[in-house]
Protein backbone atom coordinates (compact mmCIF):
# COMPACT_ATOMS: atom_id res chain seq x y z
CA MET A 1 3.88 -8.13 35.23
CA ALA A 2 5.51 -4.90 36.33
CA ASP A 3 7.68 -6.60 38.98
CA ASN A 4 9.10 -9.01 36.32
CA VAL A 5 12.79 -8.15 35.45
CA HIS A 6 11.91 -8.98 31.84
CA ASP A 7 8.86 -6.81 31.73
CA PRO A 8 9.50 -3.84 34.07
CA GLY A 9 7.79 -1.22 32.02
CA PRO A 10 9.35 1.60 29.83
CA ASP A 11 10.68 3.78 32.63
CA ALA A 12 12.42 0.94 34.33
CA ALA A 13 13.73 -0.42 31.03
CA ALA A 14 15.36 2.84 30.24
CA ALA A 15 16.94 3.02 33.71
CA THR A 16 18.73 -0.37 33.21
CA PHE A 17 20.90 1.18 30.70
CA ASP A 18 23.16 4.12 31.66
CA GLY A 19 25.56 4.21 28.65
CA PRO A 20 25.60 6.96 25.95
CA SER A 21 22.48 7.14 23.80
CA ASP A 22 24.59 7.27 20.67
CA VAL A 23 26.64 4.11 21.35
CA ALA A 24 24.92 2.40 18.51
CA ALA A 25 24.48 5.39 16.14
CA ASN A 26 27.11 4.12 13.65
CA PRO A 27 28.15 0.67 12.58
CA LEU A 28 30.60 -0.96 14.92
CA ASP A 29 33.96 -1.72 13.57
CA ILE A 30 35.12 -4.94 15.43
CA LYS A 31 38.82 -5.98 15.14
CA GLY A 32 39.07 -8.89 12.95
CA GLY A 33 35.58 -8.68 11.48
CA GLY A 34 33.18 -6.83 9.40
CA ALA A 35 31.03 -3.92 10.38
CA ILE A 36 28.04 -4.52 12.77
CA ARG A 37 24.83 -2.66 12.34
CA ILE A 38 22.44 -2.80 15.15
CA GLY A 39 18.80 -1.61 15.29
CA THR A 40 15.19 -2.60 16.09
CA ALA A 41 12.51 -4.23 14.04
CA SER A 42 10.25 -1.19 14.30
CA TRP A 43 10.35 2.43 14.81
CA THR A 44 6.59 3.13 14.65
CA ASP A 45 4.78 0.82 17.04
CA PRO A 46 2.26 2.70 19.14
CA THR A 47 3.92 1.57 22.37
CA MET A 48 7.23 3.02 21.10
CA THR A 49 5.82 6.32 19.86
CA ALA A 50 3.91 7.02 23.15
CA SER A 51 4.90 10.15 24.86
CA GLY A 52 8.17 9.92 26.79
CA VAL A 53 8.97 6.39 25.87
CA PHE A 54 11.67 6.76 23.20
CA TYR A 55 11.13 9.79 21.09
CA PRO A 56 11.86 13.35 22.47
CA THR A 57 9.05 15.76 23.12
CA GLY A 58 7.91 17.37 19.88
CA ALA A 59 8.92 14.48 17.63
CA ASP A 60 5.31 13.79 16.61
CA SER A 61 5.42 13.41 12.92
CA ALA A 62 6.55 10.47 10.79
CA GLU A 63 9.36 12.44 9.48
CA GLU A 64 10.62 13.65 12.85
CA ARG A 65 10.44 10.20 14.36
CA LEU A 66 12.46 8.39 11.57
CA GLN A 67 15.01 11.31 11.65
CA PHE A 68 15.49 10.83 15.21
CA TYR A 69 15.60 7.01 15.07
CA ALA A 70 18.21 7.26 12.34
CA SER A 71 20.39 9.51 14.53
CA ARG A 72 20.58 6.77 17.11
CA PHE A 73 20.84 3.59 14.96
CA PRO A 74 22.18 2.76 11.54
CA LEU A 75 19.71 -0.01 10.79
CA VAL A 76 15.98 -0.71 10.99
CA GLU A 77 13.65 -3.45 9.85
CA VAL A 78 10.48 -2.77 8.08
CA ASP A 79 7.75 -5.12 9.11
CA ALA A 80 4.85 -3.29 7.34
CA THR A 81 5.79 -4.79 4.06
CA TYR A 82 4.77 -8.19 5.28
CA TYR A 83 1.16 -7.04 5.54
CA SER A 84 1.03 -4.62 2.48
CA LEU A 85 3.11 -4.41 -0.53
CA PRO A 86 5.52 -1.36 -0.52
CA VAL A 87 4.75 1.84 -2.29
CA ARG A 88 7.50 3.82 -4.14
CA ARG A 89 6.54 7.13 -2.61
CA THR A 90 7.05 5.71 0.93
CA SER A 91 10.46 4.45 -0.05
CA GLU A 92 11.35 7.88 -1.47
CA LEU A 93 10.38 9.52 1.74
CA TRP A 94 12.53 7.12 3.75
CA VAL A 95 15.46 8.01 1.64
CA GLU A 96 14.78 11.75 2.17
CA ARG A 97 14.47 11.40 5.99
CA THR A 98 17.63 9.30 6.64
CA PRO A 99 21.32 9.65 6.20
CA PRO A 100 22.88 8.12 3.02
CA ASP A 101 24.48 5.28 4.96
CA PHE A 102 21.32 4.31 6.84
CA THR A 103 20.07 0.84 6.01
CA PHE A 104 16.69 -0.76 5.79
CA ASP A 105 16.15 -4.41 6.10
CA ILE A 106 12.66 -5.33 4.59
CA LYS A 107 10.36 -8.21 5.56
CA ALA A 108 9.06 -10.00 2.52
CA HIS A 109 5.36 -9.85 1.83
CA ALA A 110 3.23 -12.77 3.13
CA LEU A 111 2.49 -14.04 -0.30
CA MET A 112 6.16 -14.34 -0.93
CA THR A 113 6.65 -16.91 1.81
CA GLY A 114 3.53 -19.00 1.52
CA GLN A 115 1.50 -17.20 4.13
CA PRO A 116 -1.86 -15.69 3.74
CA THR A 117 -2.77 -11.92 3.30
CA GLU A 118 -5.98 -9.98 3.71
CA THR A 119 -7.31 -9.45 0.13
CA LYS A 120 -8.38 -5.96 0.97
CA ARG A 121 -4.70 -4.99 1.56
CA LEU A 122 -3.60 -5.73 -1.92
CA PRO A 123 -3.18 -2.74 -4.25
CA LYS A 124 -6.40 -2.00 -6.24
CA ASP A 125 -4.85 -3.10 -9.54
CA LEU A 126 -4.02 -6.50 -8.16
CA ARG A 127 -7.28 -6.84 -6.49
CA GLU A 128 -9.21 -6.07 -9.65
CA ALA A 129 -7.05 -8.71 -11.53
CA LEU A 130 -8.05 -11.54 -9.08
CA PRO A 131 -10.18 -14.36 -10.50
CA GLY A 132 -13.73 -13.94 -9.34
CA GLU A 133 -13.81 -16.81 -6.84
CA VAL A 134 -10.53 -15.70 -5.30
CA ALA A 135 -11.54 -12.06 -5.07
CA GLN A 136 -14.43 -13.08 -2.85
CA LYS A 137 -12.14 -14.55 -0.25
CA ALA A 138 -11.14 -12.58 2.86
CA ARG A 139 -7.76 -13.97 2.88
CA ILE A 140 -5.66 -15.54 0.07
CA TYR A 141 -2.48 -17.48 -0.45
CA ALA A 142 -0.08 -17.32 -3.40
CA LYS A 143 -1.20 -20.75 -4.40
CA ASP A 144 -4.68 -19.23 -5.08
CA LEU A 145 -3.25 -16.99 -7.73
CA PRO A 146 -2.52 -17.56 -11.42
CA ASP A 147 1.13 -17.56 -12.30
CA ALA A 148 0.99 -14.14 -13.93
CA LEU A 149 -0.45 -12.66 -10.72
CA ARG A 150 2.16 -14.27 -8.58
CA ASP A 151 4.83 -12.73 -10.79
CA ASP A 152 3.00 -9.36 -10.37
CA VAL A 153 3.31 -9.61 -6.57
CA TRP A 154 7.05 -9.98 -6.75
CA ALA A 155 7.30 -7.28 -9.35
CA TRP A 156 5.16 -4.89 -7.31
CA PHE A 157 7.37 -5.60 -4.18
CA ALA A 158 10.58 -4.86 -6.11
CA ASP A 159 9.18 -1.65 -7.73
CA GLY A 160 8.13 -0.27 -4.36
CA LEU A 161 11.63 -0.61 -2.95
CA GLU A 162 13.51 0.63 -5.95
CA PRO A 163 14.13 4.10 -4.58
CA LEU A 164 15.85 2.48 -1.55
CA GLN A 165 17.87 0.26 -3.79
CA GLU A 166 18.96 3.10 -6.00
CA ALA A 167 20.02 5.15 -2.96
CA GLY A 168 22.10 2.21 -1.69
CA GLN A 169 19.98 1.98 1.42
CA LEU A 170 18.33 -1.34 0.92
CA GLY A 171 19.72 -4.05 3.13
CA SER A 172 18.39 -7.63 3.14
CA ILE A 173 14.91 -8.96 2.15
CA LEU A 174 13.83 -11.21 5.03
CA LEU A 175 12.13 -14.47 3.75
CA GLN A 176 10.51 -15.59 7.02
CA TYR A 177 8.94 -18.93 6.59
CA PRO A 178 6.04 -19.99 8.78
CA ARG A 179 5.83 -22.88 11.34
CA TRP A 180 4.39 -25.23 8.78
CA PHE A 181 7.27 -24.78 6.39
CA PHE A 182 9.06 -27.97 7.26
CA THR A 183 12.29 -29.27 5.74
CA SER A 184 11.76 -31.03 2.53
CA SER A 185 13.05 -31.10 -1.04
CA ALA A 186 9.95 -29.17 -2.23
CA ASN A 187 10.51 -26.48 0.27
CA ARG A 188 14.24 -26.17 -0.48
CA ASP A 189 13.14 -25.72 -4.11
CA THR A 190 10.74 -22.99 -2.99
CA ILE A 191 13.65 -21.18 -1.21
CA GLU A 192 15.74 -21.42 -4.26
CA GLU A 193 13.05 -20.01 -6.50
CA SER A 194 12.40 -17.07 -4.06
CA VAL A 195 16.14 -16.19 -3.75
CA ALA A 196 16.54 -16.39 -7.46
CA ARG A 197 13.55 -13.86 -7.94
CA LEU A 198 15.17 -11.57 -5.48
CA ARG A 199 18.70 -11.86 -6.93
CA ASP A 200 17.37 -11.37 -10.40
CA VAL A 201 16.41 -7.79 -9.41
CA GLY A 202 19.54 -7.13 -7.44
CA MET A 203 18.20 -7.70 -3.99
CA THR A 204 19.79 -9.67 -1.09
CA PRO A 205 17.73 -12.37 0.34
CA ALA A 206 17.94 -13.80 3.87
CA VAL A 207 16.16 -16.81 5.27
CA GLU A 208 14.55 -17.24 8.72
CA PHE A 209 12.93 -20.50 9.71
CA ARG A 210 10.12 -20.97 12.20
CA SER A 211 10.23 -24.75 12.24
CA ALA A 212 12.54 -26.69 14.42
CA SER A 213 12.70 -29.50 11.77
CA TRP A 214 15.42 -27.61 9.85
CA PHE A 215 17.78 -27.84 12.79
CA ASN A 216 17.15 -31.23 14.36
CA ASP A 217 20.04 -33.72 14.54
CA LYS A 218 19.10 -35.33 11.21
CA ASN A 219 18.74 -32.08 9.20
CA ILE A 220 20.93 -29.32 10.67
CA GLU A 221 24.01 -30.23 8.58
CA ARG A 222 22.01 -30.40 5.47
CA THR A 223 20.23 -27.17 6.13
CA LEU A 224 23.47 -25.26 6.63
CA LYS A 225 25.12 -26.84 3.63
CA PHE A 226 22.11 -25.97 1.53
CA LEU A 227 22.36 -22.29 2.39
CA GLY A 228 26.12 -22.14 2.53
CA ASP A 229 26.49 -23.67 -0.91
CA ARG A 230 24.22 -20.98 -2.35
CA GLU A 231 25.63 -18.24 -0.06
CA ILE A 232 22.04 -17.48 1.29
CA PRO A 233 22.36 -15.76 4.63
CA LEU A 234 20.67 -17.61 7.45
CA VAL A 235 18.93 -15.50 10.06
CA MET A 236 20.36 -16.58 13.44
CA VAL A 237 17.73 -16.11 16.17
CA ASP A 238 17.33 -15.83 19.81
CA GLY A 239 13.96 -16.87 21.02
CA PRO A 240 11.95 -19.29 23.31
CA GLN A 241 13.17 -22.87 23.26
CA GLY A 242 11.19 -26.10 23.59
CA PHE A 243 8.54 -25.40 20.90
CA LYS A 244 8.01 -26.87 17.39
CA SER A 245 8.75 -23.38 16.15
CA SER A 246 11.97 -22.96 18.13
CA VAL A 247 15.20 -22.40 16.38
CA PRO A 248 18.44 -23.08 18.29
CA PRO A 249 20.80 -20.17 18.98
CA ILE A 250 23.47 -21.38 16.61
CA VAL A 251 26.15 -19.29 14.95
CA ALA A 252 26.26 -19.85 11.17
CA ALA A 253 27.35 -17.34 8.77
CA THR A 254 26.30 -18.94 5.56
CA SER A 255 27.10 -16.00 3.29
CA PRO A 256 30.49 -14.19 3.16
CA GLU A 257 28.63 -11.03 2.47
CA LEU A 258 26.02 -10.70 5.25
CA ALA A 259 25.27 -12.24 8.63
CA LEU A 260 22.03 -11.51 10.47
CA VAL A 261 20.76 -12.05 13.97
CA ARG A 262 17.25 -11.32 15.25
CA PHE A 263 16.20 -11.19 18.88
CA HIS A 264 12.69 -12.14 19.52
CA GLY A 265 12.74 -12.15 23.40
CA ARG A 266 12.22 -15.33 25.46
CA ARG A 267 8.52 -14.96 26.58
CA THR A 268 7.56 -18.59 26.51
CA GLU A 269 3.91 -18.07 27.68
CA THR A 270 2.88 -16.19 24.51
CA TRP A 271 5.25 -17.66 21.92
CA GLU A 272 2.80 -20.03 20.31
CA LYS A 273 -0.39 -18.90 21.93
CA PRO A 274 -3.02 -17.96 19.32
CA GLY A 275 -4.79 -14.66 19.15
CA ILE A 276 -1.83 -12.68 20.76
CA LYS A 277 -0.93 -9.28 19.46
CA THR A 278 2.53 -9.11 17.98
CA VAL A 279 3.76 -6.57 20.49
CA GLU A 280 2.62 -8.78 23.30
CA ARG A 281 4.24 -11.94 21.94
CA PHE A 282 7.62 -10.28 21.84
CA ARG A 283 7.22 -8.19 25.10
CA TYR A 284 10.41 -9.04 26.80
CA LEU A 285 13.39 -7.09 28.06
CA TYR A 286 16.75 -8.95 27.92
CA ASP A 287 18.99 -8.63 30.98
CA GLU A 288 22.65 -7.99 30.59
CA GLY A 289 23.60 -11.57 31.19
CA GLU A 290 21.35 -12.83 28.41
CA LEU A 291 22.91 -10.40 25.94
CA GLU A 292 26.48 -11.26 27.04
CA GLU A 293 25.69 -14.85 25.85
CA TRP A 294 25.53 -13.37 22.45
CA VAL A 295 28.66 -11.14 22.41
CA PRO A 296 31.06 -13.98 21.22
CA ARG A 297 28.41 -15.31 18.83
CA VAL A 298 27.96 -11.97 17.18
CA ARG A 299 31.69 -11.41 17.04
CA GLU A 300 32.16 -14.89 15.59
CA ALA A 301 29.57 -14.21 12.87
CA ALA A 302 31.03 -10.82 12.15
CA GLY A 303 34.40 -12.46 11.55
CA GLN A 304 32.94 -14.44 8.74
CA ALA A 305 30.92 -11.77 6.85
CA LYS A 306 31.60 -8.41 5.35
CA GLU A 307 28.64 -6.91 7.34
CA THR A 308 26.48 -8.20 10.18
CA HIS A 309 22.95 -6.92 10.98
CA VAL A 310 21.53 -7.37 14.49
CA LEU A 311 17.97 -6.61 15.03
CA PHE A 312 15.82 -6.51 18.16
CA ASN A 313 12.20 -7.66 17.52
CA ASN A 314 11.16 -7.26 21.13
CA CYS A 315 9.52 -4.04 20.06
CA TYR A 316 7.33 -3.28 23.06
CA ALA A 317 7.89 0.35 24.14
CA ASN A 318 11.61 1.02 24.37
CA TYR A 319 12.66 -2.61 25.19
CA GLY A 320 14.17 -3.23 21.73
CA ALA A 321 15.99 0.14 21.70
CA THR A 322 17.36 -0.42 25.22
CA ASN A 323 18.68 -3.85 24.46
CA ALA A 324 20.15 -2.68 21.26
CA LEU A 325 22.15 0.08 23.07
CA MET A 326 23.18 -2.51 25.70
CA LEU A 327 24.46 -5.08 23.22
CA ALA A 328 26.40 -2.30 21.35
CA GLU A 329 28.11 -1.37 24.56
CA LEU A 330 28.98 -4.94 25.40
CA LEU A 331 30.51 -5.45 21.93
CA GLN A 332 32.48 -2.23 22.15
CA ASP A 333 33.78 -3.04 25.61
CA LEU A 334 35.70 -6.04 24.32
CA ASP A 335 37.67 -3.99 21.81
């Protein structure tokens, strides 16, 4: 794989970018548009924290790594909240370790988007409240829970992020729906309910689909109208095409407040392959030409929203950070 231009290894990846390391350190102000924040979907992956890959020598603690990351980018996505509900103390530490204008986009917990979670990962209080037959399961879905416990999951999520919210550092809450979440009236109702839950506690929802059914010729206009009428930000994506889970690289700023773009890489051989580690699924380094395709799209989206978030989910080693810097430079070069 080392000779592949899209997976050259960390040293070669860094060598592909020769611009200033702080090119994306602050939001980009683009003429005729809102501010653009660029970042990655992780700052803690073991392939990224390995010696000499992204962090400087000596930046070995969680505090030092987040401080360094926040000196290079104004935005990060938190993926850990998908697997475990957030904890207030962790949010407090994130606030302490980052500048006041640094933003955290947060992935919704699995139970909030119809996906399973490992029972053992739930907080002790929630585990002890599970009905007996549910508590015995290794993995559970929200549909397995009584209504009161489902409400508790949402309440726990909001409470854990309250320090970020109070500090003005909470960005969007990513409702990433699974491949089997097809377009239907029932699923649109599910989205509306989830959006209402988040907005009721002052949070900003964003929706990402993993089913192509939302964007086929029959449904794309209905999908965009549904989101646009409710001013729900659609997460625009770049990813492998030709799969049932593929979403086309459209430009659609469905909220005047926030537009989002997530880059998943284009590694087709692992995209829907079962049993693949997340870091391997998204192990892909974009070349400059591929990112250039997105420059007019990002600028178009930024022209329709007060703020645009661009996140690189190709989080193997320094691939995401390298591509984030490359895109920032490409966007700046046009001004």
